[in-house]
Structures are given as C-alpha cells and as structure tokens.
Amino acid sequence: MPNLKLHHFEMGVNRCSIGCMLRSDTLQITPEILSLIARIDEFKGAWRALGTLAPERLSALRRVATIESIGSSTRIEGSKLTDRRVERLLSNLAIQSFDTRDEQEVAGYAELMDLVFSSWQDIPFNENHIKQLHQILLHHSEKDAHHRGQYKTNSNSVAAFDESGTQIGIVFETATPFDTPRLMAELASWVNDEREKGHLHPLLIIAIFVVVFLEIHPFQDGNGRLSRVLTTLLLIQAGYAYVPYSSLESVIELNKEAYYLALHQTQGTIRAEAPNWQPWLMFFLRSLAEQVRLLEKKVEREKIVLAALPELSLQIVEFAREHGRVTIGNAIKLTGVSRNTLKQHFRNLVEQGHLNQQGSGRGVWYELK
C-alpha cells in the first residue's frame, strides 16, 4: 500500500509543553481510500456539467438540503426539533425571537450556513474568522452570550447522547484551556500550509482538520455544529460546489453511532506516539460518498420526471425557466396550439408539481415550483 507523509499535531504526554511542535508521521492510503476519493472527485467534475437543471430546481434542492443539514446537525447535539419544525422556524427567522434553546441553536446555524453559502470566497481560514463564525453560530443562544467567539476557559470533555437526549458516556477528553490557543494556531497554520503546498489531497486535509479540531474542542460549546459548518466551508473552497445541494449532516445523523465510534477510535490515539487516522478517514470519506450518491439520485429523479413530460409541456417549462414566468398567452404564441389544449397542459404541470399558479382570472401566470 502506498504511504504518504503527513504532518500532525503531537498531543502526547508532553502536550502541555509550550515546545510542542509539528512532526512527521505516516498516513496510510488504502485502496478503498483512493477509490472513495476518486468517486467523490468524479462527481465533483460531473456537477459542473449539470447545467440542465433549472436555477429554480437547484434552489429547491438547496433549500431542502439546508433544512436537513440544520435539523440533523442540531439533533446530533441533542436538539429535539424535526425538519418540519425547522422549516417553519426558518420561514420566520425575521422575528429574531426564539423561545427555546433548540430554536436559538437552529436560528444561529441557519444564519451561519447562509453566510458560508453566500460569502465562502471572502472567508479566510484563520483563527479570527473561526471565532467570528462561532460567534454567529451562538448569536441567538442566550446562555452562551458570555463565551461566544472566545476559546474555552473551562475543561470540556465530549459526551455522547442517546435518542432521548440522555448522556450515555464520555467519548474522549479534550485539550486544556491553557493549550487551546497554541493548538488552534498550529492547526489553522497547518491547514493553510497544506492547501498552499498541494501535496495532500484536499479531502484528507479537511478530514484531518475536523478530527483534530474536535479533539482540541476549542470552544466551551458549539464545537460539533461549528465543525460541520467548517467542513462545508472547506469543501466549497476546495471546489466541491455541489455540497450545498445535499446534506452531509443528515448522513452523519443517520450513522451517529458510527460517527462517535470513529471519532473515539481516532481521537483516542492522537495523543499517542502513532495516531490511528484510519477509523475517522474511512467514516468521513464514506459519508462524503453517500452524500454524493443521494444527490445523484435526486438529480436523476429530476431528469426522469422532466424527460417523461409531453413535448408541449416541456416547451412550457422551458419558457418559464428562461423568462421566470409563463402565461397561456405566451404559450399560444410559442406553440400555436389552442387555448383549451394548453389549459390542460398547464393544469397537469401544476398538479404534478412543476409549476405554481399565481394570480387569477385573465391575470393568471405560472412560475417554476
């Protein structure tokens, strides 16, 4: 099996030493790791060719994925809100008043994801911006006001919770508050150095960052949620432009026990002489591959549905896609077909969920759903 040299963070017995330095270790790249990376990168390239999906359909995919991501990521940490409740909450974010901690966490996560999706090109990867992202994440969390955007001042071990929210055990111990600033400076520097050198595949850089970030656990609260937002940020910055359209968080939620186990198995060795990166790398890459598979299914379903439409209905949909809206009058000029025939096609497109009807009477018009 090929081996790859990788810098990692020495977090052993002498971890608290100010002289703790980066050193070399061996990361084993197995055939399955290579296969998973190739699979994910193949879809990364294919996504750029998916211009056949209308912007409105892409927008719908992204909205569904965002709701799933927010719901799953907060539930992993103990929230009880369903995706339906998350969706209702997102439609009323402007009220800026949230009764429960679960609602406050959802609101903060939603605002942070929106920022990452809209401004990822303008977010440098450094400690200051990581702190700012943490501050946004906890913006609505009243009990976190005193520590949002600041590294922890008290020790915080990582606990696992069952479906009822009851703690079922400690997953791993984390860095001390004293060590945290130095370790975070080293971690951010390592990520930027590796990205600049280009010797290590971006997915491996992101995977290593996430597992070390969570081992440090730099903030008093919100580390798990922030790690998943940072994963999204790093993936988009690395060119994985499809990420906003399929929820990685929901994949992790469905495999929560395996998630905690992989973290436990790798993070339990990070302080050892020879860290075992494999459990986490395999879980992370398999999760990314599953994210790709689910998005492929959604895209294929979109294509199949559109391909099954009659030619006249397709012309109507394409007109709406190009112009933002379509009327029966537009369709008559476009096709030369009678009003009664077109009315039936419009009725079918609305019933099948392709178009939304707006207005009434002679002023009725249609848009893509």
Protein backbone atom coordinates (compact mmCIF):
# COMPACT_ATOMS: atom_id res chain seq x y z
CA MET A 1 0.00 0.00 0.00
CA PRO A 2 1.32 3.47 -0.80
CA ASN A 3 2.31 5.64 2.14
CA LEU A 4 2.06 9.39 2.38
CA LYS A 5 3.98 11.69 4.69
CA LEU A 6 1.71 13.87 6.78
CA HIS A 7 2.40 16.48 9.42
CA HIS A 8 0.27 16.04 12.51
CA PHE A 9 -0.07 17.55 15.92
CA GLU A 10 1.88 15.97 18.72
CA MET A 11 -0.61 15.69 21.54
CA GLY A 12 1.08 13.13 23.71
CA VAL A 13 2.06 13.08 27.32
CA ASN A 14 4.00 16.32 26.91
CA ARG A 15 1.11 18.03 25.22
CA CYS A 16 1.08 20.94 27.64
CA SER A 17 4.67 21.80 26.82
CA ILE A 18 5.00 25.15 25.05
CA GLY A 19 7.66 23.47 22.90
CA CYS A 20 5.14 21.05 21.38
CA MET A 21 5.96 21.02 17.64
CA LEU A 22 4.62 19.58 14.42
CA ARG A 23 6.40 16.42 13.39
CA SER A 24 6.13 13.85 10.62
CA ASP A 25 4.06 10.71 10.75
CA THR A 26 2.82 8.17 8.23
CA LEU A 27 -0.73 8.27 6.90
CA GLN A 28 -1.68 5.00 5.24
CA ILE A 29 -3.59 5.46 2.00
CA THR A 30 -5.53 2.26 1.33
CA PRO A 31 -7.13 1.20 -1.98
CA GLU A 32 -10.57 1.97 -0.52
CA ILE A 33 -9.49 5.50 0.42
CA LEU A 34 -8.20 6.04 -3.11
CA SER A 35 -11.43 4.62 -4.55
CA LEU A 36 -13.63 6.83 -2.38
CA ILE A 37 -11.67 9.96 -3.24
CA ALA A 38 -11.83 9.10 -6.95
CA ARG A 39 -15.60 8.55 -6.69
CA ILE A 40 -16.18 11.89 -4.95
CA ASP A 41 -13.89 13.78 -7.35
CA GLU A 42 -15.61 12.22 -10.35
CA PHE A 43 -18.93 13.65 -9.20
CA LYS A 44 -17.24 16.98 -8.41
CA GLY A 45 -16.30 17.22 -12.09
CA ALA A 46 -19.66 15.96 -13.34
CA TRP A 47 -21.55 18.54 -11.27
CA ARG A 48 -20.15 21.34 -13.43
CA ALA A 49 -21.91 19.78 -16.43
CA LEU A 50 -25.33 19.71 -14.77
CA GLY A 51 -26.48 22.97 -16.32
CA THR A 52 -29.63 21.21 -17.49
CA LEU A 53 -31.21 21.68 -14.07
CA ALA A 54 -33.11 24.94 -13.85
CA PRO A 55 -31.93 27.51 -11.26
CA GLU A 56 -35.32 27.19 -9.59
CA ARG A 57 -34.91 23.42 -9.20
CA LEU A 58 -31.39 23.88 -7.86
CA SER A 59 -32.74 26.44 -5.41
CA ALA A 60 -35.36 23.94 -4.26
CA LEU A 61 -32.72 21.24 -3.80
CA ARG A 62 -30.57 23.62 -1.77
CA ARG A 63 -33.46 24.67 0.46
CA VAL A 64 -34.34 21.06 1.26
CA ALA A 65 -30.67 20.23 1.92
CA THR A 66 -30.28 23.28 4.15
CA ILE A 67 -33.30 22.31 6.26
CA GLU A 68 -31.97 18.75 6.55
CA SER A 69 -28.48 19.99 7.49
CA ILE A 70 -29.71 22.38 10.17
CA GLY A 71 -32.11 19.82 11.64
CA SER A 72 -29.60 16.97 11.62
CA SER A 73 -26.63 18.94 12.92
CA THR A 74 -28.56 20.34 15.87
CA ARG A 75 -30.20 16.96 16.64
CA ILE A 76 -26.77 15.28 16.74
CA GLU A 77 -26.06 17.60 19.68
CA GLY A 78 -29.35 16.82 21.44
CA SER A 79 -31.96 19.08 19.82
CA LYS A 80 -35.49 17.70 19.51
CA LEU A 81 -36.70 19.77 16.54
CA THR A 82 -37.93 17.84 13.48
CA ASP A 83 -37.13 19.01 9.95
CA ARG A 84 -40.72 20.23 9.63
CA ARG A 85 -40.37 22.42 12.71
CA VAL A 86 -37.01 23.64 11.43
CA GLU A 87 -38.64 24.61 8.13
CA ARG A 88 -41.38 26.56 9.92
CA LEU A 89 -38.80 28.30 12.07
CA LEU A 90 -36.69 29.29 9.06
CA SER A 91 -39.71 30.90 7.43
CA ASN A 92 -39.98 33.20 10.48
CA LEU A 93 -36.32 33.99 11.16
CA ALA A 94 -37.02 37.69 10.80
CA ILE A 95 -38.85 37.73 14.13
CA GLN A 96 -35.49 37.43 15.92
CA SER A 97 -37.21 35.99 19.00
CA PHE A 98 -36.84 32.32 19.89
CA ASP A 99 -38.43 30.72 22.93
CA THR A 100 -36.30 27.62 23.42
CA ARG A 101 -32.62 26.77 23.26
CA ASP A 102 -33.32 24.37 20.38
CA GLU A 103 -34.87 27.22 18.38
CA GLN A 104 -31.96 29.52 19.23
CA GLU A 105 -29.46 26.93 18.00
CA VAL A 106 -31.38 26.39 14.76
CA ALA A 107 -31.54 30.15 14.10
CA GLY A 108 -27.80 30.56 14.63
CA TYR A 109 -26.94 27.56 12.48
CA ALA A 110 -29.18 28.84 9.68
CA GLU A 111 -27.60 32.30 9.70
CA LEU A 112 -24.11 30.80 9.66
CA MET A 113 -24.88 28.45 6.76
CA ASP A 114 -26.38 31.32 4.79
CA LEU A 115 -23.18 33.32 5.32
CA VAL A 116 -20.97 30.42 4.24
CA PHE A 117 -23.04 29.76 1.10
CA SER A 118 -23.10 33.43 0.07
CA SER A 119 -19.60 34.56 1.11
CA TRP A 120 -17.32 31.50 1.15
CA GLN A 121 -14.85 33.19 -1.20
CA ASP A 122 -14.39 36.04 1.26
CA ILE A 123 -13.79 33.97 4.41
CA PRO A 124 -10.07 33.46 5.09
CA PHE A 125 -9.31 30.32 7.06
CA ASN A 126 -7.71 31.63 10.24
CA GLU A 127 -8.35 31.78 13.97
CA ASN A 128 -10.05 35.17 13.91
CA HIS A 129 -12.59 34.07 11.35
CA ILE A 130 -13.20 30.74 13.08
CA LYS A 131 -14.01 32.75 16.22
CA GLN A 132 -16.31 35.05 14.25
CA LEU A 133 -18.14 32.05 12.78
CA HIS A 134 -18.56 30.65 16.29
CA GLN A 135 -19.99 33.98 17.42
CA ILE A 136 -22.59 33.89 14.62
CA LEU A 137 -23.42 30.26 15.40
CA LEU A 138 -24.31 31.16 19.00
CA HIS A 139 -25.70 34.61 18.22
CA HIS A 140 -29.20 33.73 19.45
CA SER A 141 -28.14 31.41 22.30
CA GLU A 142 -28.74 33.42 25.45
CA LYS A 143 -26.85 31.13 27.82
CA ASP A 144 -23.78 31.24 25.56
CA ALA A 145 -23.51 35.04 25.39
CA HIS A 146 -20.52 35.18 27.75
CA HIS A 147 -18.31 32.84 25.73
CA ARG A 148 -19.43 33.07 22.09
CA GLY A 149 -16.49 33.78 19.81
CA GLN A 150 -13.98 33.04 22.57
CA TYR A 151 -11.88 29.96 23.29
CA LYS A 152 -12.91 27.91 26.29
CA THR A 153 -11.83 28.79 29.81
CA ASN A 154 -13.02 25.53 31.41
CA SER A 155 -12.30 21.92 30.52
CA ASN A 156 -14.95 20.28 28.31
CA SER A 157 -14.95 16.56 27.67
CA VAL A 158 -17.08 15.23 24.79
CA ALA A 159 -20.15 13.23 25.75
CA ALA A 160 -22.43 11.00 23.67
CA PHE A 161 -26.22 11.15 24.00
CA ASP A 162 -28.96 8.66 23.19
CA GLU A 163 -32.15 9.45 21.26
CA SER A 164 -33.86 10.80 24.38
CA GLY A 165 -31.02 13.28 24.95
CA THR A 166 -29.64 11.40 27.95
CA GLN A 167 -25.85 11.32 28.26
CA ILE A 168 -24.59 7.78 27.75
CA GLY A 169 -20.88 8.29 28.25
CA ILE A 170 -17.74 10.30 27.61
CA VAL A 171 -16.41 9.95 24.05
CA PHE A 172 -12.99 11.50 24.72
CA GLU A 173 -11.12 14.05 26.78
CA THR A 174 -10.19 17.33 25.08
CA ALA A 175 -7.33 19.85 25.15
CA THR A 176 -6.93 22.01 28.22
CA PRO A 177 -7.95 25.68 28.05
CA PHE A 178 -4.26 26.54 28.51
CA ASP A 179 -3.18 24.55 25.43
CA THR A 180 -6.09 25.50 23.20
CA PRO A 181 -4.85 28.83 21.73
CA ARG A 182 -1.49 27.34 20.74
CA LEU A 183 -3.00 24.19 19.29
CA MET A 184 -5.57 26.13 17.29
CA ALA A 185 -2.87 28.42 15.91
CA GLU A 186 -0.89 25.34 14.83
CA LEU A 187 -3.97 23.69 13.33
CA ALA A 188 -5.03 26.73 11.26
CA SER A 189 -1.44 27.22 10.10
CA TRP A 190 -1.16 23.54 9.11
CA VAL A 191 -4.36 23.68 7.04
CA ASN A 192 -3.23 26.77 5.14
CA ASP A 193 0.29 25.41 4.60
CA GLU A 194 -1.04 22.11 3.25
CA ARG A 195 -3.56 23.82 0.99
CA GLU A 196 -0.83 26.04 -0.42
CA LYS A 197 1.67 23.22 -0.97
CA GLY A 198 -0.90 20.93 -2.59
CA HIS A 199 0.93 17.74 -1.61
CA LEU A 200 -2.00 16.32 0.31
CA HIS A 201 -5.43 15.77 -1.24
CA PRO A 202 -7.95 18.43 -0.10
CA LEU A 203 -10.36 15.79 1.28
CA LEU A 204 -7.61 14.40 3.51
CA ILE A 205 -6.69 17.89 4.72
CA ILE A 206 -10.34 18.54 5.62
CA ALA A 207 -10.73 15.15 7.32
CA ILE A 208 -7.62 15.63 9.45
CA PHE A 209 -8.65 19.17 10.33
CA VAL A 210 -12.08 18.06 11.54
CA VAL A 211 -10.85 15.24 13.76
CA VAL A 212 -8.09 17.37 15.32
CA PHE A 213 -10.43 20.36 15.75
CA LEU A 214 -12.89 18.17 17.64
CA GLU A 215 -10.08 16.65 19.70
CA ILE A 216 -9.00 20.14 20.76
CA HIS A 217 -12.65 21.19 21.25
CA PRO A 218 -11.62 24.84 21.40
CA PHE A 219 -14.91 26.44 22.43
CA GLN A 220 -16.99 25.90 25.54
CA ASP A 221 -19.98 24.83 23.44
CA GLY A 222 -20.97 24.55 19.79
CA ASN A 223 -17.85 22.66 18.63
CA GLY A 224 -19.71 19.84 16.88
CA ARG A 225 -22.04 22.16 14.99
CA LEU A 226 -19.18 24.50 14.07
CA SER A 227 -17.03 21.58 12.86
CA ARG A 228 -19.75 20.63 10.39
CA VAL A 229 -20.15 24.19 9.10
CA LEU A 230 -16.36 24.46 8.74
CA THR A 231 -16.40 21.16 6.84
CA THR A 232 -18.89 22.66 4.40
CA LEU A 233 -16.81 25.84 4.09
CA LEU A 234 -13.60 23.94 3.38
CA LEU A 235 -15.30 21.64 0.87
CA ILE A 236 -16.78 24.55 -1.08
CA GLN A 237 -13.45 26.40 -1.01
CA ALA A 238 -11.81 23.24 -2.36
CA GLY A 239 -14.15 23.26 -5.38
CA TYR A 240 -16.86 20.83 -4.23
CA ALA A 241 -19.61 23.15 -5.44
CA TYR A 242 -22.39 20.56 -5.11
CA VAL A 243 -22.14 20.46 -1.30
CA PRO A 244 -24.99 22.95 -0.60
CA TYR A 245 -27.43 20.75 -2.52
CA SER A 246 -27.10 17.57 -0.43
CA SER A 247 -26.92 17.36 3.34
CA LEU A 248 -23.77 15.78 4.77
CA GLU A 249 -25.15 16.40 8.25
CA SER A 250 -28.15 14.15 7.60
CA VAL A 251 -25.82 11.35 6.50
CA ILE A 252 -23.91 11.73 9.77
CA GLU A 253 -27.12 11.78 11.82
CA LEU A 254 -28.29 8.52 10.25
CA ASN A 255 -24.94 6.99 11.24
CA LYS A 256 -24.49 8.77 14.57
CA GLU A 257 -23.19 5.74 16.46
CA ALA A 258 -20.56 5.08 13.78
CA TYR A 259 -19.70 8.81 13.84
CA TYR A 260 -18.99 8.79 17.56
CA LEU A 261 -17.14 5.48 17.33
CA ALA A 262 -14.86 6.73 14.53
CA LEU A 263 -14.12 9.91 16.46
CA HIS A 264 -13.43 7.91 19.61
CA GLN A 265 -11.13 5.44 17.87
CA THR A 266 -9.01 8.09 16.18
CA GLN A 267 -9.04 10.76 18.85
CA GLY A 268 -8.10 8.24 21.48
CA THR A 269 -4.79 7.79 19.63
CA ILE A 270 -4.00 11.40 18.65
CA ARG A 271 -2.03 11.85 21.86
CA ALA A 272 -0.19 8.59 21.29
CA GLU A 273 3.13 8.10 19.50
CA ALA A 274 1.45 6.78 16.33
CA PRO A 275 -2.06 8.19 15.78
CA ASN A 276 -4.53 5.92 14.01
CA TRP A 277 -6.25 8.16 11.44
CA GLN A 278 -7.95 5.30 9.59
CA PRO A 279 -11.26 4.98 11.51
CA TRP A 280 -12.10 8.64 11.05
CA LEU A 281 -10.81 8.86 7.46
CA MET A 282 -12.97 5.91 6.42
CA PHE A 283 -16.08 7.26 8.12
CA PHE A 284 -15.55 10.75 6.70
CA LEU A 285 -14.91 9.65 3.12
CA ARG A 286 -17.73 7.08 3.16
CA SER A 287 -20.08 9.82 4.39
CA LEU A 288 -19.00 12.13 1.57
CA ALA A 289 -19.54 9.30 -0.93
CA GLU A 290 -23.04 8.70 0.46
CA GLN A 291 -23.77 12.43 0.20
CA VAL A 292 -22.81 12.20 -3.49
CA ARG A 293 -24.96 9.09 -4.02
CA LEU A 294 -28.03 10.74 -2.54
CA LEU A 295 -27.58 13.87 -4.64
CA GLU A 296 -27.13 11.76 -7.78
CA LYS A 297 -30.46 10.09 -7.05
CA LYS A 298 -32.19 13.44 -6.64
CA VAL A 299 -30.71 14.81 -9.86
CA GLU A 300 -31.60 11.67 -11.78
CA ARG A 301 -35.15 11.85 -10.47
CA GLU A 302 -35.38 15.46 -11.69
CA LYS A 303 -34.18 14.44 -15.15
CA ILE A 304 -36.52 11.44 -15.35
CA VAL A 305 -39.54 13.50 -14.35
CA LEU A 306 -38.78 16.17 -16.96
CA ALA A 307 -37.96 13.57 -19.63
CA ALA A 308 -41.36 11.95 -19.09
CA LEU A 309 -43.24 15.15 -19.90
CA PRO A 310 -45.01 15.57 -23.24
CA GLU A 311 -43.16 17.79 -25.71
CA LEU A 312 -45.73 20.58 -25.36
CA SER A 313 -45.39 20.57 -21.55
CA LEU A 314 -41.59 20.65 -21.88
CA GLN A 315 -41.84 23.75 -24.08
CA ILE A 316 -43.96 25.46 -21.43
CA VAL A 317 -41.50 24.52 -18.66
CA GLU A 318 -38.51 25.70 -20.71
CA PHE A 319 -40.20 29.04 -21.42
CA ALA A 320 -40.87 29.52 -17.70
CA ARG A 321 -37.25 28.63 -16.96
CA GLU A 322 -35.87 31.16 -19.43
CA HIS A 323 -38.25 34.03 -18.63
CA GLY A 324 -39.09 33.43 -14.96
CA ARG A 325 -42.80 33.12 -15.71
CA VAL A 326 -45.19 31.98 -18.42
CA THR A 327 -48.82 32.75 -19.33
CA ILE A 328 -51.24 30.86 -21.55
CA GLY A 329 -50.92 33.77 -23.97
CA ASN A 330 -47.13 33.24 -24.10
CA ALA A 331 -47.69 29.55 -24.76
CA ILE A 332 -50.15 30.23 -27.59
CA LYS A 333 -47.60 32.48 -29.35
CA LEU A 334 -44.83 29.96 -28.68
CA THR A 335 -46.63 26.84 -29.87
CA GLY A 336 -49.64 27.91 -31.97
CA VAL A 337 -51.75 25.39 -30.03
CA SER A 338 -55.33 26.14 -28.94
CA ARG A 339 -56.07 27.69 -25.55
CA ASN A 340 -58.15 24.71 -24.37
CA THR A 341 -55.34 22.23 -25.13
CA LEU A 342 -52.78 24.42 -23.38
CA LYS A 343 -55.03 24.85 -20.33
CA GLN A 344 -54.96 21.09 -19.84
CA HIS A 345 -51.15 21.02 -20.04
CA PHE A 346 -50.88 23.88 -17.55
CA ARG A 347 -53.33 22.10 -15.24
CA ASN A 348 -51.26 18.90 -15.39
CA LEU A 349 -47.98 20.76 -14.76
CA VAL A 350 -49.46 22.38 -11.65
CA GLU A 351 -50.87 19.08 -10.35
CA GLN A 352 -47.54 17.29 -10.97
CA GLY A 353 -45.63 19.97 -9.05
CA HIS A 354 -43.71 21.54 -11.95
CA LEU A 355 -45.46 24.91 -11.93
CA ASN A 356 -47.03 27.22 -9.37
CA GLN A 357 -50.10 29.21 -10.41
CA GLN A 358 -50.10 32.89 -9.47
CA GLY A 359 -52.92 35.42 -9.81
CA SER A 360 -56.41 34.65 -11.08
CA GLY A 361 -58.74 35.19 -13.99
CA ARG A 362 -57.23 36.91 -17.01
CA GLY A 363 -54.15 37.90 -14.96
CA VAL A 364 -53.08 34.34 -14.11
CA TRP A 365 -49.47 33.40 -14.72
CA TYR A 366 -47.20 30.48 -13.80
CA GLU A 367 -43.68 30.03 -12.42
CA LEU A 368 -41.45 27.03 -11.83
CA LYS A 369 -42.08 25.43 -8.49
